[in-house]
Amino acid sequence: MLTAASRAAIELVRNEFVITGYRARGALVEPSSFAERRCLHYASREGFAEFLEQVDRKPARPAPHWRMVFDGEIVGPWSKYATVWRTCVEPATGDFLNPAKMFFFW
């Protein structure tokens, strides 16, 4: 079972891979996806400054109420060995899907 810390460590390694690959190519190749572009942005000095501003900013509104869209077992061939359970909530905004926005997802 992966803990939240384990999942965060995996995500950290994925981001390090993107950043290292970009730098190894001499920053000559455009990132292959908007998620990679965001990763590289927030790894820059400017992006890190934006991150710190966001961390220090007081919420402009209360946290949204999560609307559950799925909470149940995912049945498959693995079911004879383990129960796979997923919970999905509706995103508060769809901005994270907009490639033009530098959306801070984390």
PDB file of N, CA and C in Angstrom:
ATOM      1  N   MET A   1       0.843  -1.179   0.000  1.00  0.00           N
ATOM      2  CA  MET A   1       0.000   0.000   0.000  1.00  0.00           C
ATOM      3  C   MET A   1       0.892   1.247   0.000  1.00  0.00           C
ATOM      4  N   LEU A   2       0.642   2.138  -0.926  1.00  0.00           N
ATOM      5  CA  LEU A   2       1.411   3.374  -1.002  1.00  0.00           C
ATOM      6  C   LEU A   2       0.823   4.414  -0.057  1.00  0.00           C
ATOM      7  N   THR A   3       1.692   5.025   0.683  1.00  0.00           N
ATOM      8  CA  THR A   3       1.259   6.112   1.557  1.00  0.00           C
ATOM      9  C   THR A   3       1.274   7.408   0.750  1.00  0.00           C
ATOM     10  N   ALA A   4       0.699   8.448   1.304  1.00  0.00           N
ATOM     11  CA  ALA A   4       0.722   9.750   0.642  1.00  0.00           C
ATOM     12  C   ALA A   4       2.161  10.200   0.418  1.00  0.00           C
ATOM     13  N   ALA A   5       3.027   9.936   1.385  1.00  0.00           N
ATOM     14  CA  ALA A   5       4.440  10.321   1.246  1.00  0.00           C
ATOM     15  C   ALA A   5       5.101   9.536   0.113  1.00  0.00           C
ATOM     16  N   SER A   6       4.763   8.274  -0.035  1.00  0.00           N
ATOM     17  CA  SER A   6       5.318   7.459  -1.123  1.00  0.00           C
ATOM     18  C   SER A   6       4.860   7.980  -2.478  1.00  0.00           C
ATOM     19  N   ARG A   7       3.585   8.310  -2.585  1.00  0.00           N
ATOM     20  CA  ARG A   7       3.070   8.837  -3.855  1.00  0.00           C
ATOM     21  C   ARG A   7       3.709  10.182  -4.175  1.00  0.00           C
ATOM     22  N   ALA A   8       3.924  11.009  -3.155  1.00  0.00           N
ATOM     23  CA  ALA A   8       4.582  12.300  -3.369  1.00  0.00           C
ATOM     24  C   ALA A   8       6.023  12.097  -3.830  1.00  0.00           C
ATOM     25  N   ALA A   9       6.715  11.106  -3.268  1.00  0.00           N
ATOM     26  CA  ALA A   9       8.097  10.819  -3.676  1.00  0.00           C
ATOM     27  C   ALA A   9       8.136  10.359  -5.132  1.00  0.00           C
ATOM     28  N   ILE A  10       7.177   9.553  -5.550  1.00  0.00           N
ATOM     29  CA  ILE A  10       7.108   9.100  -6.942  1.00  0.00           C
ATOM     30  C   ILE A  10       6.878  10.289  -7.871  1.00  0.00           C
ATOM     31  N   GLU A  11       5.990  11.173  -7.498  1.00  0.00           N
ATOM     32  CA  GLU A  11       5.716  12.355  -8.312  1.00  0.00           C
ATOM     33  C   GLU A  11       6.943  13.263  -8.377  1.00  0.00           C
ATOM     34  N   LEU A  12       7.665  13.368  -7.280  1.00  0.00           N
ATOM     35  CA  LEU A  12       8.896  14.158  -7.258  1.00  0.00           C
ATOM     36  C   LEU A  12       9.903  13.602  -8.263  1.00  0.00           C
ATOM     37  N   VAL A  13      10.079  12.284  -8.282  1.00  0.00           N
ATOM     38  CA  VAL A  13      11.014  11.655  -9.215  1.00  0.00           C
ATOM     39  C   VAL A  13      10.564  11.883 -10.655  1.00  0.00           C
ATOM     40  N   ARG A  14       9.280  11.796 -10.922  1.00  0.00           N
ATOM     41  CA  ARG A  14       8.775  12.061 -12.275  1.00  0.00           C
ATOM     42  C   ARG A  14       9.107  13.480 -12.708  1.00  0.00           C
ATOM     43  N   ASN A  15       8.904  14.430 -11.810  1.00  0.00           N
ATOM     44  CA  ASN A  15       9.207  15.824 -12.135  1.00  0.00           C
ATOM     45  C   ASN A  15      10.707  16.037 -12.313  1.00  0.00           C
ATOM     46  N   GLU A  16      11.506  15.397 -11.483  1.00  0.00           N
ATOM     47  CA  GLU A  16      12.964  15.502 -11.647  1.00  0.00           C
ATOM     48  C   GLU A  16      13.390  14.947 -13.005  1.00  0.00           C
ATOM     49  N   PHE A  17      12.752  13.872 -13.451  1.00  0.00           N
ATOM     50  CA  PHE A  17      13.050  13.280 -14.746  1.00  0.00           C
ATOM     51  C   PHE A  17      12.759  14.275 -15.875  1.00  0.00           C
ATOM     52  N   VAL A  18      11.630  14.954 -15.809  1.00  0.00           N
ATOM     53  CA  VAL A  18      11.262  15.952 -16.819  1.00  0.00           C
ATOM     54  C   VAL A  18      12.281  17.090 -16.832  1.00  0.00           C
ATOM     55  N   ILE A  19      12.603  17.610 -15.652  1.00  0.00           N
ATOM     56  CA  ILE A  19      13.521  18.743 -15.566  1.00  0.00           C
ATOM     57  C   ILE A  19      14.923  18.356 -16.032  1.00  0.00           C
ATOM     58  N   THR A  20      15.412  17.202 -15.589  1.00  0.00           N
ATOM     59  CA  THR A  20      16.747  16.743 -15.976  1.00  0.00           C
ATOM     60  C   THR A  20      16.820  16.516 -17.483  1.00  0.00           C
ATOM     61  N   GLY A  21      15.799  15.900 -18.052  1.00  0.00           N
ATOM     62  CA  GLY A  21      15.769  15.659 -19.497  1.00  0.00           C
ATOM     63  C   GLY A  21      15.770  16.953 -20.287  1.00  0.00           C
ATOM     64  N   TYR A  22      15.024  17.927 -19.818  1.00  0.00           N
ATOM     65  CA  TYR A  22      14.956  19.227 -20.490  1.00  0.00           C
ATOM     66  C   TYR A  22      16.320  19.923 -20.453  1.00  0.00           C
ATOM     67  N   ARG A  23      16.931  19.912 -19.302  1.00  0.00           N
ATOM     68  CA  ARG A  23      18.253  20.550 -19.169  1.00  0.00           C
ATOM     69  C   ARG A  23      19.321  19.799 -19.953  1.00  0.00           C
ATOM     70  N   ALA A  24      19.225  18.474 -20.012  1.00  0.00           N
ATOM     71  CA  ALA A  24      20.208  17.670 -20.746  1.00  0.00           C
ATOM     72  C   ALA A  24      20.159  17.968 -22.244  1.00  0.00           C
ATOM     73  N   ARG A  25      18.993  18.339 -22.733  1.00  0.00           N
ATOM     74  CA  ARG A  25      18.859  18.681 -24.151  1.00  0.00           C
ATOM     75  C   ARG A  25      19.203  20.143 -24.391  1.00  0.00           C
ATOM     76  N   GLY A  26      19.729  20.810 -23.376  1.00  0.00           N
ATOM     77  CA  GLY A  26      20.110  22.209 -23.523  1.00  0.00           C
ATOM     78  C   GLY A  26      18.933  23.143 -23.669  1.00  0.00           C
ATOM     79  N   ALA A  27      17.795  22.739 -23.185  1.00  0.00           N
ATOM     80  CA  ALA A  27      16.568  23.539 -23.239  1.00  0.00           C
ATOM     81  C   ALA A  27      16.222  23.916 -24.677  1.00  0.00           C
ATOM     82  N   LEU A  28      16.652  23.098 -25.637  1.00  0.00           N
ATOM     83  CA  LEU A  28      16.393  23.379 -27.052  1.00  0.00           C
ATOM     84  C   LEU A  28      15.078  22.787 -27.539  1.00  0.00           C
ATOM     85  N   VAL A  29      14.593  21.776 -26.844  1.00  0.00           N
ATOM     86  CA  VAL A  29      13.378  21.077 -27.252  1.00  0.00           C
ATOM     87  C   VAL A  29      12.223  21.547 -26.380  1.00  0.00           C
ATOM     88  N   GLU A  30      11.113  21.856 -27.027  1.00  0.00           N
ATOM     89  CA  GLU A  30       9.919  22.257 -26.275  1.00  0.00           C
ATOM     90  C   GLU A  30       9.394  21.068 -25.471  1.00  0.00           C
ATOM     91  N   PRO A  31       8.848  21.325 -24.292  1.00  0.00           N
ATOM     92  CA  PRO A  31       8.233  20.233 -23.525  1.00  0.00           C
ATOM     93  C   PRO A  31       7.149  19.554 -24.352  1.00  0.00           C
ATOM     94  N   SER A  32       6.988  18.251 -24.153  1.00  0.00           N
ATOM     95  CA  SER A  32       6.046  17.492 -24.971  1.00  0.00           C
ATOM     96  C   SER A  32       4.588  17.670 -24.562  1.00  0.00           C
ATOM     97  N   SER A  33       4.334  18.210 -23.382  1.00  0.00           N
ATOM     98  CA  SER A  33       2.948  18.400 -22.948  1.00  0.00           C
ATOM     99  C   SER A  33       2.844  19.646 -22.077  1.00  0.00           C
ATOM    100  N   PHE A  34       1.614  20.123 -21.913  1.00  0.00           N
ATOM    101  CA  PHE A  34       1.431  21.299 -21.067  1.00  0.00           C
ATOM    102  C   PHE A  34       1.731  20.979 -19.608  1.00  0.00           C
ATOM    103  N   ALA A  35       1.587  19.713 -19.201  1.00  0.00           N
ATOM    104  CA  ALA A  35       1.933  19.340 -17.828  1.00  0.00           C
ATOM    105  C   ALA A  35       3.447  19.467 -17.622  1.00  0.00           C
ATOM    106  N   GLU A  36       4.222  19.060 -18.635  1.00  0.00           N
ATOM    107  CA  GLU A  36       5.677  19.226 -18.543  1.00  0.00           C
ATOM    108  C   GLU A  36       6.049  20.699 -18.554  1.00  0.00           C
ATOM    109  N   ARG A  37       5.367  21.496 -19.374  1.00  0.00           N
ATOM    110  CA  ARG A  37       5.642  22.939 -19.421  1.00  0.00           C
ATOM    111  C   ARG A  37       5.381  23.568 -18.049  1.00  0.00           C
ATOM    112  N   ARG A  38       4.313  23.160 -17.402  1.00  0.00           N
ATOM    113  CA  ARG A  38       4.026  23.678 -16.063  1.00  0.00           C
ATOM    114  C   ARG A  38       5.095  23.240 -15.065  1.00  0.00           C
ATOM    115  N   CYS A  39       5.502  21.988 -15.158  1.00  0.00           N
ATOM    116  CA  CYS A  39       6.552  21.473 -14.272  1.00  0.00           C
ATOM    117  C   CYS A  39       7.814  22.317 -14.411  1.00  0.00           C
ATOM    118  N   LEU A  40       8.218  22.576 -15.663  1.00  0.00           N
ATOM    119  CA  LEU A  40       9.418  23.369 -15.907  1.00  0.00           C
ATOM    120  C   LEU A  40       9.246  24.813 -15.432  1.00  0.00           C
ATOM    121  N   HIS A  41       8.059  25.340 -15.616  1.00  0.00           N
ATOM    122  CA  HIS A  41       7.799  26.718 -15.159  1.00  0.00           C
ATOM    123  C   HIS A  41       7.975  26.831 -13.645  1.00  0.00           C
ATOM    124  N   TYR A  42       7.346  25.932 -12.906  1.00  0.00           N
ATOM    125  CA  TYR A  42       7.420  26.018 -11.448  1.00  0.00           C
ATOM    126  C   TYR A  42       8.789  25.604 -10.904  1.00  0.00           C
ATOM    127  N   ALA A  43       9.629  24.995 -11.753  1.00  0.00           N
ATOM    128  CA  ALA A  43      11.002  24.680 -11.357  1.00  0.00           C
ATOM    129  C   ALA A  43      11.932  25.869 -11.590  1.00  0.00           C
ATOM    130  N   SER A  44      11.457  26.879 -12.323  1.00  0.00           N
ATOM    131  CA  SER A  44      12.274  28.064 -12.585  1.00  0.00           C
ATOM    132  C   SER A  44      12.215  29.019 -11.398  1.00  0.00           C
ATOM    133  N   ARG A  45      13.098  29.992 -11.392  1.00  0.00           N
ATOM    134  CA  ARG A  45      13.076  30.994 -10.308  1.00  0.00           C
ATOM    135  C   ARG A  45      11.762  31.752 -10.283  1.00  0.00           C
ATOM    136  N   GLU A  46      11.284  32.143 -11.459  1.00  0.00           N
ATOM    137  CA  GLU A  46      10.020  32.889 -11.534  1.00  0.00           C
ATOM    138  C   GLU A  46       8.848  32.032 -11.047  1.00  0.00           C
ATOM    139  N   GLY A  47       8.831  30.786 -11.498  1.00  0.00           N
ATOM    140  CA  GLY A  47       7.757  29.887 -11.087  1.00  0.00           C
ATOM    141  C   GLY A  47       7.789  29.585  -9.600  1.00  0.00           C
ATOM    142  N   PHE A  48       8.991  29.423  -9.059  1.00  0.00           N
ATOM    143  CA  PHE A  48       9.101  29.167  -7.622  1.00  0.00           C
ATOM    144  C   PHE A  48       8.633  30.382  -6.825  1.00  0.00           C
ATOM    145  N   ALA A  49       8.946  31.588  -7.335  1.00  0.00           N
ATOM    146  CA  ALA A  49       8.462  32.808  -6.670  1.00  0.00           C
ATOM    147  C   ALA A  49       6.930  32.846  -6.687  1.00  0.00           C
ATOM    148  N   GLU A  50       6.319  32.468  -7.818  1.00  0.00           N
ATOM    149  CA  GLU A  50       4.854  32.394  -7.885  1.00  0.00           C
ATOM    150  C   GLU A  50       4.311  31.377  -6.883  1.00  0.00           C
ATOM    151  N   PHE A  51       4.990  30.241  -6.779  1.00  0.00           N
ATOM    152  CA  PHE A  51       4.591  29.211  -5.816  1.00  0.00           C
ATOM    153  C   PHE A  51       4.591  29.777  -4.395  1.00  0.00           C
ATOM    154  N   LEU A  52       5.676  30.464  -4.034  1.00  0.00           N
ATOM    155  CA  LEU A  52       5.765  31.031  -2.686  1.00  0.00           C
ATOM    156  C   LEU A  52       4.681  32.073  -2.444  1.00  0.00           C
ATOM    157  N   GLU A  53       4.383  32.882  -3.461  1.00  0.00           N
ATOM    158  CA  GLU A  53       3.297  33.862  -3.336  1.00  0.00           C
ATOM    159  C   GLU A  53       1.964  33.151  -3.084  1.00  0.00           C
ATOM    160  N   GLN A  54       1.740  32.073  -3.805  1.00  0.00           N
ATOM    161  CA  GLN A  54       0.497  31.314  -3.652  1.00  0.00           C
ATOM    162  C   GLN A  54       0.403  30.709  -2.252  1.00  0.00           C
ATOM    163  N   VAL A  55       1.497  30.193  -1.750  1.00  0.00           N
ATOM    164  CA  VAL A  55       1.512  29.590  -0.413  1.00  0.00           C
ATOM    165  C   VAL A  55       1.182  30.630   0.648  1.00  0.00           C
ATOM    166  N   ASP A  56       1.697  31.855   0.478  1.00  0.00           N
ATOM    167  CA  ASP A  56       1.492  32.916   1.470  1.00  0.00           C
ATOM    168  C   ASP A  56       0.137  33.607   1.340  1.00  0.00           C
ATOM    169  N   ARG A  57      -0.525  33.443   0.204  1.00  0.00           N
ATOM    170  CA  ARG A  57      -1.785  34.136  -0.041  1.00  0.00           C
ATOM    171  C   ARG A  57      -2.906  33.548   0.800  1.00  0.00           C
ATOM    172  N   LYS A  58      -3.720  34.410   1.352  1.00  0.00           N
ATOM    173  CA  LYS A  58      -4.902  33.981   2.096  1.00  0.00           C
ATOM    174  C   LYS A  58      -5.975  33.560   1.095  1.00  0.00           C
ATOM    175  N   PRO A  59      -6.790  32.568   1.428  1.00  0.00           N
ATOM    176  CA  PRO A  59      -7.844  32.140   0.501  1.00  0.00           C
ATOM    177  C   PRO A  59      -8.801  33.276   0.180  1.00  0.00           C
ATOM    178  N   ALA A  60      -9.159  33.396  -1.096  1.00  0.00           N
ATOM    179  CA  ALA A  60     -10.091  34.436  -1.532  1.00  0.00           C
ATOM    180  C   ALA A  60     -11.536  34.028  -1.254  1.00  0.00           C
ATOM    181  N   ARG A  61     -11.748  32.731  -1.092  1.00  0.00           N
ATOM    182  CA  ARG A  61     -13.098  32.212  -0.837  1.00  0.00           C
ATOM    183  C   ARG A  61     -12.968  30.909  -0.047  1.00  0.00           C
ATOM    184  N   PRO A  62     -14.044  30.445   0.540  1.00  0.00           N
ATOM    185  CA  PRO A  62     -13.964  29.181   1.281  1.00  0.00           C
ATOM    186  C   PRO A  62     -13.666  28.012   0.351  1.00  0.00           C
ATOM    187  N   ALA A  63     -13.116  26.966   0.908  1.00  0.00           N
ATOM    188  CA  ALA A  63     -12.827  25.757   0.126  1.00  0.00           C
ATOM    189  C   ALA A  63     -14.124  25.199  -0.441  1.00  0.00           C
ATOM    190  N   PRO A  64     -14.100  24.716  -1.683  1.00  0.00           N
ATOM    191  CA  PRO A  64     -15.330  24.184  -2.276  1.00  0.00           C
ATOM    192  C   PRO A  64     -15.730  22.875  -1.610  1.00  0.00           C
ATOM    193  N   HIS A  65     -17.008  22.603  -1.660  1.00  0.00           N
ATOM    194  CA  HIS A  65     -17.525  21.330  -1.164  1.00  0.00           C
ATOM    195  C   HIS A  65     -17.275  20.289  -2.249  1.00  0.00           C
ATOM    196  N   TRP A  66     -16.633  19.180  -1.895  1.00  0.00           N
ATOM    197  CA  TRP A  66     -16.339  18.142  -2.874  1.00  0.00           C
ATOM    198  C   TRP A  66     -17.609  17.386  -3.218  1.00  0.00           C
ATOM    199  N   ARG A  67     -17.887  17.292  -4.510  1.00  0.00           N
ATOM    200  CA  ARG A  67     -19.027  16.504  -4.972  1.00  0.00           C
ATOM    201  C   ARG A  67     -18.493  15.171  -5.481  1.00  0.00           C
ATOM    202  N   MET A  68     -18.897  14.108  -4.823  1.00  0.00           N
ATOM    203  CA  MET A  68     -18.451  12.761  -5.165  1.00  0.00           C
ATOM    204  C   MET A  68     -19.103  12.328  -6.476  1.00  0.00           C
ATOM    205  N   VAL A  69     -18.295  11.873  -7.433  1.00  0.00           N
ATOM    206  CA  VAL A  69     -18.843  11.364  -8.688  1.00  0.00           C
ATOM    207  C   VAL A  69     -18.726   9.846  -8.777  1.00  0.00           C
ATOM    208  N   PHE A  70     -17.819   9.270  -7.995  1.00  0.00           N
ATOM    209  CA  PHE A  70     -17.709   7.810  -7.941  1.00  0.00           C
ATOM    210  C   PHE A  70     -17.046   7.410  -6.641  1.00  0.00           C
ATOM    211  N   ASP A  71     -17.570   6.385  -6.012  1.00  0.00           N
ATOM    212  CA  ASP A  71     -16.980   5.845  -4.796  1.00  0.00           C
ATOM    213  C   ASP A  71     -17.334   4.363  -4.764  1.00  0.00           C
ATOM    214  N   GLY A  72     -16.441   3.552  -5.292  1.00  0.00           N
ATOM    215  CA  GLY A  72     -16.778   2.140  -5.354  1.00  0.00           C
ATOM    216  C   GLY A  72     -15.640   1.254  -5.818  1.00  0.00           C
ATOM    217  N   GLU A  73     -15.941  -0.009  -5.902  1.00  0.00           N
ATOM    218  CA  GLU A  73     -14.945  -1.000  -6.293  1.00  0.00           C
ATOM    219  C   GLU A  73     -14.793  -1.009  -7.813  1.00  0.00           C
ATOM    220  N   ILE A  74     -13.559  -1.195  -8.260  1.00  0.00           N
ATOM    221  CA  ILE A  74     -13.250  -1.406  -9.671  1.00  0.00           C
ATOM    222  C   ILE A  74     -13.049  -2.915  -9.839  1.00  0.00           C
ATOM    223  N   VAL A  75     -13.979  -3.535 -10.527  1.00  0.00           N
ATOM    224  CA  VAL A  75     -13.954  -4.991 -10.682  1.00  0.00           C
ATOM    225  C   VAL A  75     -13.154  -5.349 -11.927  1.00  0.00           C
ATOM    226  N   GLY A  76     -12.353  -6.394 -11.819  1.00  0.00           N
ATOM    227  CA  GLY A  76     -11.569  -6.865 -12.948  1.00  0.00           C
ATOM    228  C   GLY A  76     -10.941  -8.204 -12.619  1.00  0.00           C
ATOM    229  N   PRO A  77     -10.047  -8.683 -13.476  1.00  0.00           N
ATOM    230  CA  PRO A  77      -9.417  -9.976 -13.245  1.00  0.00           C
ATOM    231  C   PRO A  77      -8.630 -10.023 -11.934  1.00  0.00           C
ATOM    232  N   TRP A  78      -8.226  -8.865 -11.444  1.00  0.00           N
ATOM    233  CA  TRP A  78      -7.481  -8.773 -10.188  1.00  0.00           C
ATOM    234  C   TRP A  78      -8.363  -8.998  -8.971  1.00  0.00           C
ATOM    235  N   SER A  79      -9.679  -8.953  -9.154  1.00  0.00           N
ATOM    236  CA  SER A  79     -10.612  -9.033  -8.028  1.00  0.00           C
ATOM    237  C   SER A  79     -10.483 -10.315  -7.216  1.00  0.00           C
ATOM    238  N   LYS A  80      -9.992 -11.398  -7.833  1.00  0.00           N
ATOM    239  CA  LYS A  80      -9.822 -12.629  -7.048  1.00  0.00           C
ATOM    240  C   LYS A  80      -8.624 -12.526  -6.102  1.00  0.00           C
ATOM    241  N   TYR A  81      -7.764 -11.531  -6.312  1.00  0.00           N
ATOM    242  CA  TYR A  81      -6.588 -11.345  -5.459  1.00  0.00           C
ATOM    243  C   TYR A  81      -6.708 -10.138  -4.524  1.00  0.00           C
ATOM    244  N   ALA A  82      -7.399  -9.092  -4.997  1.00  0.00           N
ATOM    245  CA  ALA A  82      -7.447  -7.853  -4.212  1.00  0.00           C
ATOM    246  C   ALA A  82      -8.693  -7.049  -4.570  1.00  0.00           C
ATOM    247  N   THR A  83      -9.091  -6.203  -3.660  1.00  0.00           N
ATOM    248  CA  THR A  83     -10.170  -5.267  -3.913  1.00  0.00           C
ATOM    249  C   THR A  83      -9.554  -3.925  -4.271  1.00  0.00           C
ATOM    250  N   VAL A  84      -9.927  -3.414  -5.433  1.00  0.00           N
ATOM    251  CA  VAL A  84      -9.450  -2.100  -5.868  1.00  0.00           C
ATOM    252  C   VAL A  84     -10.616  -1.138  -5.728  1.00  0.00           C
ATOM    253  N   TRP A  85     -10.417  -0.112  -4.923  1.00  0.00           N
ATOM    254  CA  TRP A  85     -11.468   0.850  -4.619  1.00  0.00           C
ATOM    255  C   TRP A  85     -11.018   2.225  -5.077  1.00  0.00           C
ATOM    256  N   ARG A  86     -11.882   2.952  -5.720  1.00  0.00           N
ATOM    257  CA  ARG A  86     -11.544   4.300  -6.172  1.00  0.00           C
ATOM    258  C   ARG A  86     -12.614   5.275  -5.715  1.00  0.00           C
ATOM    259  N   THR A  87     -12.147   6.457  -5.383  1.00  0.00           N
ATOM    260  CA  THR A  87     -13.028   7.564  -5.046  1.00  0.00           C
ATOM    261  C   THR A  87     -12.660   8.720  -5.957  1.00  0.00           C
ATOM    262  N   CYS A  88     -13.633   9.259  -6.658  1.00  0.00           N
ATOM    263  CA  CYS A  88     -13.406  10.398  -7.549  1.00  0.00           C
ATOM    264  C   CYS A  88     -14.334  11.531  -7.149  1.00  0.00           C
ATOM    265  N   VAL A  89     -13.755  12.721  -7.134  1.00  0.00           N
ATOM    266  CA  VAL A  89     -14.550  13.909  -6.862  1.00  0.00           C
ATOM    267  C   VAL A  89     -14.521  14.796  -8.103  1.00  0.00           C
ATOM    268  N   GLU A  90     -15.546  15.597  -8.233  1.00  0.00           N
ATOM    269  CA  GLU A  90     -15.605  16.544  -9.338  1.00  0.00           C
ATOM    270  C   GLU A  90     -14.605  17.667  -9.066  1.00  0.00           C
ATOM    271  N   PRO A  91     -13.768  18.011 -10.039  1.00  0.00           N
ATOM    272  CA  PRO A  91     -12.803  19.095  -9.813  1.00  0.00           C
ATOM    273  C   PRO A  91     -13.520  20.418  -9.539  1.00  0.00           C
ATOM    274  N   ALA A  92     -12.907  21.246  -8.714  1.00  0.00           N
ATOM    275  CA  ALA A  92     -13.488  22.551  -8.401  1.00  0.00           C
ATOM    276  C   ALA A  92     -13.492  23.454  -9.632  1.00  0.00           C
ATOM    277  N   THR A  93     -12.554  23.221 -10.547  1.00  0.00           N
ATOM    278  CA  THR A  93     -12.449  23.994 -11.778  1.00  0.00           C
ATOM    279  C   THR A  93     -11.854  23.102 -12.859  1.00  0.00           C
ATOM    280  N   GLY A  94     -12.132  23.433 -14.083  1.00  0.00           N
ATOM    281  CA  GLY A  94     -11.546  22.702 -15.197  1.00  0.00           C
ATOM    282  C   GLY A  94     -10.286  23.357 -15.732  1.00  0.00           C
ATOM    283  N   ASP A  95      -9.807  24.394 -15.051  1.00  0.00           N
ATOM    284  CA  ASP A  95      -8.642  25.149 -15.520  1.00  0.00           C
ATOM    285  C   ASP A  95      -7.398  24.286 -15.684  1.00  0.00           C
ATOM    286  N   PHE A  96      -7.284  23.202 -14.933  1.00  0.00           N
ATOM    287  CA  PHE A  96      -6.096  22.362 -15.033  1.00  0.00           C
ATOM    288  C   PHE A  96      -6.016  21.666 -16.397  1.00  0.00           C
ATOM    289  N   LEU A  97      -7.137  21.611 -17.126  1.00  0.00           N
ATOM    290  CA  LEU A  97      -7.157  21.007 -18.458  1.00  0.00           C
ATOM    291  C   LEU A  97      -6.826  22.005 -19.567  1.00  0.00           C
ATOM    292  N   ASN A  98      -6.751  23.279 -19.229  1.00  0.00           N
ATOM    293  CA  ASN A  98      -6.492  24.310 -20.222  1.00  0.00           C
ATOM    294  C   ASN A  98      -4.987  24.455 -20.429  1.00  0.00           C
ATOM    295  N   PRO A  99      -4.466  24.040 -21.605  1.00  0.00           N
ATOM    296  CA  PRO A  99      -3.021  24.111 -21.838  1.00  0.00           C
ATOM    297  C   PRO A  99      -2.471  25.530 -21.814  1.00  0.00           C
ATOM    298  N   ALA A 100      -3.322  26.525 -22.031  1.00  0.00           N
ATOM    299  CA  ALA A 100      -2.859  27.915 -22.057  1.00  0.00           C
ATOM    300  C   ALA A 100      -2.652  28.487 -20.646  1.00  0.00           C
ATOM    301  N   LYS A 101      -3.209  27.838 -19.646  1.00  0.00           N
ATOM    302  CA  LYS A 101      -3.099  28.347 -18.272  1.00  0.00           C
ATOM    303  C   LYS A 101      -1.947  27.695 -17.535  1.00  0.00           C
ATOM    304  N   MET A 102      -1.249  28.477 -16.738  1.00  0.00           N
ATOM    305  CA  MET A 102      -0.179  27.956 -15.896  1.00  0.00           C
ATOM    306  C   MET A 102      -0.816  27.598 -14.548  1.00  0.00           C
ATOM    307  N   PHE A 103      -1.659  26.584 -14.577  1.00  0.00           N
ATOM    308  CA  PHE A 103      -2.460  26.180 -13.429  1.00  0.00           C
ATOM    309  C   PHE A 103      -1.582  25.480 -12.399  1.00  0.00           C
ATOM    310  N   PHE A 104      -1.670  25.913 -11.158  1.00  0.00           N
ATOM    311  CA  PHE A 104      -0.913  25.267 -10.077  1.00  0.00           C
ATOM    312  C   PHE A 104      -1.788  24.179  -9.492  1.00  0.00           C
ATOM    313  N   PHE A 105      -1.525  22.950  -9.898  1.00  0.00           N
ATOM    314  CA  PHE A 105      -2.378  21.825  -9.556  1.00  0.00           C
ATOM    315  C   PHE A 105      -2.125  21.271  -8.171  1.00  0.00           C
ATOM    316  N   TRP A 106      -0.926  21.429  -7.684  1.00  0.00           N
ATOM    317  CA  TRP A 106      -0.556  20.797  -6.423  1.00  0.00           C
ATOM    318  C   TRP A 106      -0.950  21.666  -5.291  1.00  0.00           C
TER     319      TRP A 106
END
